[in-house]
Amino acid sequence: MVKDMRLETERLIIRPYKEDDLQQCFQLMQDKELFKYLDMDVMSFQEYKGLFNWLIKSYDKGFGEDFKYSFNITLKDSGKHIGWCGIGILNYDISKKEIYYLIGKEYWGKGYAKEASTALLQYSFSVIELNEIVALCKPDNLGSKNVIENMGFKFKYIVAGLSEEFEFYNGEPFYALTREEYFDNLKDED
């Protein structure tokens, strides 16, 4: 069950949110600069609390459902919350599962996004048993583009022609990685 998931990397712990994470998570999400590439903005505490409760309830959905799981990323040595990563339905095409992440500004450039996302990728292909995962980013978000490409995702096309409801995604590069490609890449690394 996803509620029991706990991934450990060399420097990070990736796990489902729990109630007492709320304050640290809210504090991180008060930095306006983090929203430059997101389809959301800084929220009041009450708005964020509603989102946070929704995130926790999302763990009740099974792998066979239209899930969207987000996980807390903390530093192993201090337990400090530094961001989040997740896997779940692509908003404009629920037949696809997307990987996504956010790292707090003071932790940029340290490889945490790739480290956390790589662990989540492995979990998503091995435990959830997804056949394909997609990734998108804003064209000028070079850090995210590098993370996506370094994980082995292949560029497919530029998103275009979406309705006004999903206008945010138009112009984004669309990447995909199949389960087979992922495991082939692992063999090549050995």
C-alpha atoms as a PDB file:
ATOM      1  CA  MET A   1       0.000   0.000   0.000  1.00  0.00           C
ATOM      2  CA  VAL A   2       1.212   3.472  -0.838  1.00  0.00           C
ATOM      3  CA  LYS A   3       0.516   4.654   2.737  1.00  0.00           C
ATOM      4  CA  ASP A   4       3.379   2.418   3.902  1.00  0.00           C
ATOM      5  CA  MET A   5       5.827   3.503   1.192  1.00  0.00           C
ATOM      6  CA  ARG A   6       9.219   4.727   2.407  1.00  0.00           C
ATOM      7  CA  LEU A   7      12.102   5.247   0.014  1.00  0.00           C
ATOM      8  CA  GLU A   8      15.602   5.963   1.216  1.00  0.00           C
ATOM      9  CA  THR A   9      18.407   7.264  -0.939  1.00  0.00           C
ATOM     10  CA  GLU A  10      21.906   8.222   0.051  1.00  0.00           C
ATOM     11  CA  ARG A  11      20.753  11.606   1.424  1.00  0.00           C
ATOM     12  CA  LEU A  12      16.950  11.595   1.362  1.00  0.00           C
ATOM     13  CA  ILE A  13      13.812   9.987   2.713  1.00  0.00           C
ATOM     14  CA  ILE A  14      10.746  10.032   0.454  1.00  0.00           C
ATOM     15  CA  ARG A  15       7.514   9.072   2.182  1.00  0.00           C
ATOM     16  CA  PRO A  16       3.802   9.861   2.322  1.00  0.00           C
ATOM     17  CA  TYR A  17       2.800  13.014   4.159  1.00  0.00           C
ATOM     18  CA  LYS A  18       1.525  12.777   7.698  1.00  0.00           C
ATOM     19  CA  GLU A  19      -0.476  15.294   9.726  1.00  0.00           C
ATOM     20  CA  ASP A  20       2.504  16.739  11.597  1.00  0.00           C
ATOM     21  CA  ASP A  21       4.257  17.665   8.310  1.00  0.00           C
ATOM     22  CA  LEU A  22       1.725  20.425   7.654  1.00  0.00           C
ATOM     23  CA  GLN A  23       3.591  23.384   9.182  1.00  0.00           C
ATOM     24  CA  GLN A  24       6.990  22.648   7.563  1.00  0.00           C
ATOM     25  CA  CYS A  25       5.348  22.019   4.194  1.00  0.00           C
ATOM     26  CA  PHE A  26       3.291  25.206   4.403  1.00  0.00           C
ATOM     27  CA  GLN A  27       6.408  27.247   5.273  1.00  0.00           C
ATOM     28  CA  LEU A  28       8.313  25.934   2.243  1.00  0.00           C
ATOM     29  CA  MET A  29       5.410  26.789  -0.055  1.00  0.00           C
ATOM     30  CA  GLN A  30       5.417  30.475   0.971  1.00  0.00           C
ATOM     31  CA  ASP A  31       8.287  31.251  -1.433  1.00  0.00           C
ATOM     32  CA  LYS A  32       6.691  32.941  -4.465  1.00  0.00           C
ATOM     33  CA  GLU A  33       9.703  32.021  -6.626  1.00  0.00           C
ATOM     34  CA  LEU A  34       8.843  28.306  -6.339  1.00  0.00           C
ATOM     35  CA  PHE A  35       5.647  28.914  -8.315  1.00  0.00           C
ATOM     36  CA  LYS A  36       7.347  30.298 -11.414  1.00  0.00           C
ATOM     37  CA  TYR A  37       6.801  27.013 -13.259  1.00  0.00           C
ATOM     38  CA  LEU A  38       3.677  25.755 -11.458  1.00  0.00           C
ATOM     39  CA  ASP A  39       0.000  26.056 -12.271  1.00  0.00           C
ATOM     40  CA  MET A  40      -0.731  27.376  -8.768  1.00  0.00           C
ATOM     41  CA  ASP A  41       0.356  30.173  -6.461  1.00  0.00           C
ATOM     42  CA  VAL A  42       1.149  30.880  -2.818  1.00  0.00           C
ATOM     43  CA  MET A  43      -1.852  29.915  -0.672  1.00  0.00           C
ATOM     44  CA  SER A  44      -3.200  31.037   2.672  1.00  0.00           C
ATOM     45  CA  PHE A  45      -2.767  28.572   5.525  1.00  0.00           C
ATOM     46  CA  GLN A  46      -6.424  27.478   5.246  1.00  0.00           C
ATOM     47  CA  GLU A  47      -6.158  26.930   1.475  1.00  0.00           C
ATOM     48  CA  TYR A  48      -2.931  24.980   1.906  1.00  0.00           C
ATOM     49  CA  LYS A  49      -4.414  22.914   4.729  1.00  0.00           C
ATOM     50  CA  GLY A  50      -7.261  21.901   2.390  1.00  0.00           C
ATOM     51  CA  LEU A  51      -4.755  20.854  -0.290  1.00  0.00           C
ATOM     52  CA  PHE A  52      -2.619  19.061   2.293  1.00  0.00           C
ATOM     53  CA  ASN A  53      -5.626  17.071   3.579  1.00  0.00           C
ATOM     54  CA  TRP A  54      -6.491  16.159  -0.029  1.00  0.00           C
ATOM     55  CA  LEU A  55      -2.907  14.912  -0.529  1.00  0.00           C
ATOM     56  CA  ILE A  56      -3.185  12.642   2.507  1.00  0.00           C
ATOM     57  CA  LYS A  57      -6.609  11.319   1.411  1.00  0.00           C
ATOM     58  CA  SER A  58      -5.168  10.541  -2.037  1.00  0.00           C
ATOM     59  CA  TYR A  59      -3.245   7.613  -0.503  1.00  0.00           C
ATOM     60  CA  ASP A  60      -6.601   5.813  -0.131  1.00  0.00           C
ATOM     61  CA  LYS A  61      -6.729   5.325  -3.917  1.00  0.00           C
ATOM     62  CA  GLY A  62      -5.334   2.058  -5.233  1.00  0.00           C
ATOM     63  CA  PHE A  63      -2.774   1.639  -7.982  1.00  0.00           C
ATOM     64  CA  GLY A  64      -5.542   0.622 -10.414  1.00  0.00           C
ATOM     65  CA  GLU A  65      -7.422   3.898  -9.903  1.00  0.00           C
ATOM     66  CA  ASP A  66      -6.839   7.417 -11.253  1.00  0.00           C
ATOM     67  CA  PHE A  67      -4.396   8.291  -8.487  1.00  0.00           C
ATOM     68  CA  LYS A  68      -2.201  11.322  -7.885  1.00  0.00           C
ATOM     69  CA  TYR A  69       0.259  10.700  -5.050  1.00  0.00           C
ATOM     70  CA  SER A  70       2.581  13.357  -3.669  1.00  0.00           C
ATOM     71  CA  PHE A  71       5.335  12.553  -1.194  1.00  0.00           C
ATOM     72  CA  ASN A  72       7.388  14.455   1.337  1.00  0.00           C
ATOM     73  CA  ILE A  73      11.127  14.725   0.670  1.00  0.00           C
ATOM     74  CA  THR A  74      13.243  15.153   3.798  1.00  0.00           C
ATOM     75  CA  LEU A  75      16.959  15.218   4.437  1.00  0.00           C
ATOM     76  CA  LYS A  76      18.084  11.989   6.069  1.00  0.00           C
ATOM     77  CA  ASP A  77      20.528  13.640   8.449  1.00  0.00           C
ATOM     78  CA  SER A  78      18.225  16.370   9.814  1.00  0.00           C
ATOM     79  CA  GLY A  79      14.653  15.353   8.932  1.00  0.00           C
ATOM     80  CA  LYS A  80      14.184  18.803   7.349  1.00  0.00           C
ATOM     81  CA  HIS A  81      11.448  19.022   4.706  1.00  0.00           C
ATOM     82  CA  ILE A  82      13.031  20.235   1.451  1.00  0.00           C
ATOM     83  CA  GLY A  83      10.343  19.556  -1.144  1.00  0.00           C
ATOM     84  CA  TRP A  84       8.053  16.997  -2.684  1.00  0.00           C
ATOM     85  CA  CYS A  85       7.786  14.590  -5.560  1.00  0.00           C
ATOM     86  CA  GLY A  86       4.887  12.660  -6.931  1.00  0.00           C
ATOM     87  CA  ILE A  87       3.429  10.348  -9.501  1.00  0.00           C
ATOM     88  CA  GLY A  88      -0.090  10.415 -10.849  1.00  0.00           C
ATOM     89  CA  ILE A  89      -2.531  11.289 -13.559  1.00  0.00           C
ATOM     90  CA  LEU A  90      -1.562  13.944 -16.056  1.00  0.00           C
ATOM     91  CA  ASN A  91      -4.192  16.649 -15.598  1.00  0.00           C
ATOM     92  CA  TYR A  92      -5.124  16.959 -19.264  1.00  0.00           C
ATOM     93  CA  ASP A  93      -4.890  13.219 -20.091  1.00  0.00           C
ATOM     94  CA  ILE A  94      -5.778  10.924 -17.203  1.00  0.00           C
ATOM     95  CA  SER A  95      -4.734   7.864 -19.227  1.00  0.00           C
ATOM     96  CA  LYS A  96      -1.111   8.912 -18.593  1.00  0.00           C
ATOM     97  CA  LYS A  97       0.898   8.962 -15.348  1.00  0.00           C
ATOM     98  CA  GLU A  98       3.242  11.884 -14.778  1.00  0.00           C
ATOM     99  CA  ILE A  99       6.228  12.251 -12.441  1.00  0.00           C
ATOM    100  CA  TYR A 100       6.702  15.676 -10.841  1.00  0.00           C
ATOM    101  CA  TYR A 101       8.791  17.316  -8.131  1.00  0.00           C
ATOM    102  CA  LEU A 102       9.635  20.553  -6.371  1.00  0.00           C
ATOM    103  CA  ILE A 103      12.682  21.386  -4.269  1.00  0.00           C
ATOM    104  CA  GLY A 104      12.937  24.443  -2.018  1.00  0.00           C
ATOM    105  CA  LYS A 105      15.140  27.210  -3.396  1.00  0.00           C
ATOM    106  CA  GLU A 106      17.847  26.946  -0.732  1.00  0.00           C
ATOM    107  CA  TYR A 107      18.384  23.308  -1.812  1.00  0.00           C
ATOM    108  CA  TRP A 108      18.651  23.894  -5.570  1.00  0.00           C
ATOM    109  CA  GLY A 109      21.721  22.699  -7.438  1.00  0.00           C
ATOM    110  CA  LYS A 110      22.503  19.830  -5.064  1.00  0.00           C
ATOM    111  CA  GLY A 111      20.983  16.995  -7.115  1.00  0.00           C
ATOM    112  CA  TYR A 112      18.070  16.395  -4.729  1.00  0.00           C
ATOM    113  CA  ALA A 113      15.378  16.540  -7.442  1.00  0.00           C
ATOM    114  CA  LYS A 114      17.114  13.831  -9.464  1.00  0.00           C
ATOM    115  CA  GLU A 115      17.883  11.731  -6.385  1.00  0.00           C
ATOM    116  CA  ALA A 116      14.281  11.774  -5.161  1.00  0.00           C
ATOM    117  CA  SER A 117      12.745  11.374  -8.618  1.00  0.00           C
ATOM    118  CA  THR A 118      15.034   8.480  -9.505  1.00  0.00           C
ATOM    119  CA  ALA A 119      13.911   6.628  -6.366  1.00  0.00           C
ATOM    120  CA  LEU A 120      10.259   7.379  -7.164  1.00  0.00           C
ATOM    121  CA  LEU A 121      10.749   6.234 -10.759  1.00  0.00           C
ATOM    122  CA  GLN A 122      12.093   2.895  -9.550  1.00  0.00           C
ATOM    123  CA  TYR A 123       9.138   2.528  -7.149  1.00  0.00           C
ATOM    124  CA  SER A 124       6.644   3.443  -9.874  1.00  0.00           C
ATOM    125  CA  PHE A 125       7.952   0.864 -12.341  1.00  0.00           C
ATOM    126  CA  SER A 126       8.745  -1.898  -9.826  1.00  0.00           C
ATOM    127  CA  VAL A 127       5.990  -1.629  -7.206  1.00  0.00           C
ATOM    128  CA  ILE A 128       3.129   0.237  -8.901  1.00  0.00           C
ATOM    129  CA  GLU A 129       4.120  -1.561 -12.131  1.00  0.00           C
ATOM    130  CA  LEU A 130       3.366   1.331 -14.464  1.00  0.00           C
ATOM    131  CA  ASN A 131       4.133   0.655 -18.130  1.00  0.00           C
ATOM    132  CA  GLU A 132       4.994   4.257 -18.999  1.00  0.00           C
ATOM    133  CA  ILE A 133       5.661   7.487 -17.146  1.00  0.00           C
ATOM    134  CA  VAL A 134       5.639  10.939 -18.693  1.00  0.00           C
ATOM    135  CA  ALA A 135       7.287  14.186 -17.629  1.00  0.00           C
ATOM    136  CA  LEU A 136       6.723  17.787 -18.647  1.00  0.00           C
ATOM    137  CA  CYS A 137       8.331  21.099 -17.782  1.00  0.00           C
ATOM    138  CA  LYS A 138       8.289  24.697 -18.913  1.00  0.00           C
ATOM    139  CA  PRO A 139      10.717  25.209 -21.838  1.00  0.00           C
ATOM    140  CA  ASP A 140      12.823  27.705 -19.871  1.00  0.00           C
ATOM    141  CA  ASN A 141      13.029  25.493 -16.760  1.00  0.00           C
ATOM    142  CA  LEU A 142      16.460  24.135 -17.676  1.00  0.00           C
ATOM    143  CA  GLY A 143      17.074  22.560 -14.277  1.00  0.00           C
ATOM    144  CA  SER A 144      13.958  20.436 -14.562  1.00  0.00           C
ATOM    145  CA  LYS A 145      14.670  19.633 -18.207  1.00  0.00           C
ATOM    146  CA  ASN A 146      18.105  18.323 -17.181  1.00  0.00           C
ATOM    147  CA  VAL A 147      16.628  16.192 -14.383  1.00  0.00           C
ATOM    148  CA  ILE A 148      14.095  14.668 -16.787  1.00  0.00           C
ATOM    149  CA  GLU A 149      16.672  13.914 -19.477  1.00  0.00           C
ATOM    150  CA  ASN A 150      19.220  12.573 -16.957  1.00  0.00           C
ATOM    151  CA  MET A 151      16.638  10.056 -15.739  1.00  0.00           C
ATOM    152  CA  GLY A 152      16.418   8.636 -19.263  1.00  0.00           C
ATOM    153  CA  PHE A 153      13.178  10.210 -20.457  1.00  0.00           C
ATOM    154  CA  LYS A 154      12.922  10.686 -24.210  1.00  0.00           C
ATOM    155  CA  PHE A 155      11.566  13.867 -25.778  1.00  0.00           C
ATOM    156  CA  LYS A 156       8.435  13.112 -27.818  1.00  0.00           C
ATOM    157  CA  TYR A 157       6.835  16.421 -28.854  1.00  0.00           C
ATOM    158  CA  ILE A 158       5.816  19.938 -27.794  1.00  0.00           C
ATOM    159  CA  VAL A 159       2.359  20.045 -26.233  1.00  0.00           C
ATOM    160  CA  ALA A 160      -0.019  22.139 -28.346  1.00  0.00           C
ATOM    161  CA  GLY A 161      -3.709  22.602 -29.048  1.00  0.00           C
ATOM    162  CA  LEU A 162      -5.035  22.014 -25.544  1.00  0.00           C
ATOM    163  CA  SER A 163      -8.255  23.735 -24.529  1.00  0.00           C
ATOM    164  CA  GLU A 164      -8.291  26.886 -22.410  1.00  0.00           C
ATOM    165  CA  GLU A 165      -8.761  24.767 -19.277  1.00  0.00           C
ATOM    166  CA  PHE A 166      -5.327  23.212 -19.848  1.00  0.00           C
ATOM    167  CA  GLU A 167      -3.644  26.172 -21.587  1.00  0.00           C
ATOM    168  CA  PHE A 168      -0.888  26.082 -18.932  1.00  0.00           C
ATOM    169  CA  TYR A 169       0.619  22.987 -20.616  1.00  0.00           C
ATOM    170  CA  ASN A 170       0.700  24.300 -24.200  1.00  0.00           C
ATOM    171  CA  GLY A 171       4.299  24.821 -25.326  1.00  0.00           C
ATOM    172  CA  GLU A 172       5.795  22.361 -22.840  1.00  0.00           C
ATOM    173  CA  PRO A 173       8.124  19.605 -24.024  1.00  0.00           C
ATOM    174  CA  PHE A 174       6.547  16.184 -23.442  1.00  0.00           C
ATOM    175  CA  TYR A 175       8.848  13.338 -22.399  1.00  0.00           C
ATOM    176  CA  ALA A 176       8.120   9.653 -21.866  1.00  0.00           C
ATOM    177  CA  LEU A 177       9.890   6.614 -20.481  1.00  0.00           C
ATOM    178  CA  THR A 178       8.562   3.075 -20.744  1.00  0.00           C
ATOM    179  CA  ARG A 179       9.087   0.378 -18.154  1.00  0.00           C
ATOM    180  CA  GLU A 180      11.107  -1.629 -20.688  1.00  0.00           C
ATOM    181  CA  GLU A 181      13.347   1.358 -21.489  1.00  0.00           C
ATOM    182  CA  TYR A 182      13.860   2.010 -17.782  1.00  0.00           C
ATOM    183  CA  PHE A 183      15.013  -1.542 -17.038  1.00  0.00           C
ATOM    184  CA  ASP A 184      17.144  -1.624 -20.202  1.00  0.00           C
ATOM    185  CA  ASN A 185      18.844   1.591 -19.040  1.00  0.00           C
ATOM    186  CA  LEU A 186      19.575  -0.046 -15.667  1.00  0.00           C
ATOM    187  CA  LYS A 187      21.204  -3.034 -17.404  1.00  0.00           C
ATOM    188  CA  ASP A 188      23.331  -0.669 -19.482  1.00  0.00           C
ATOM    189  CA  GLU A 189      24.598   1.022 -16.288  1.00  0.00           C
ATOM    190  CA  ASP A 190      25.840  -2.281 -14.830  1.00  0.00           C
END
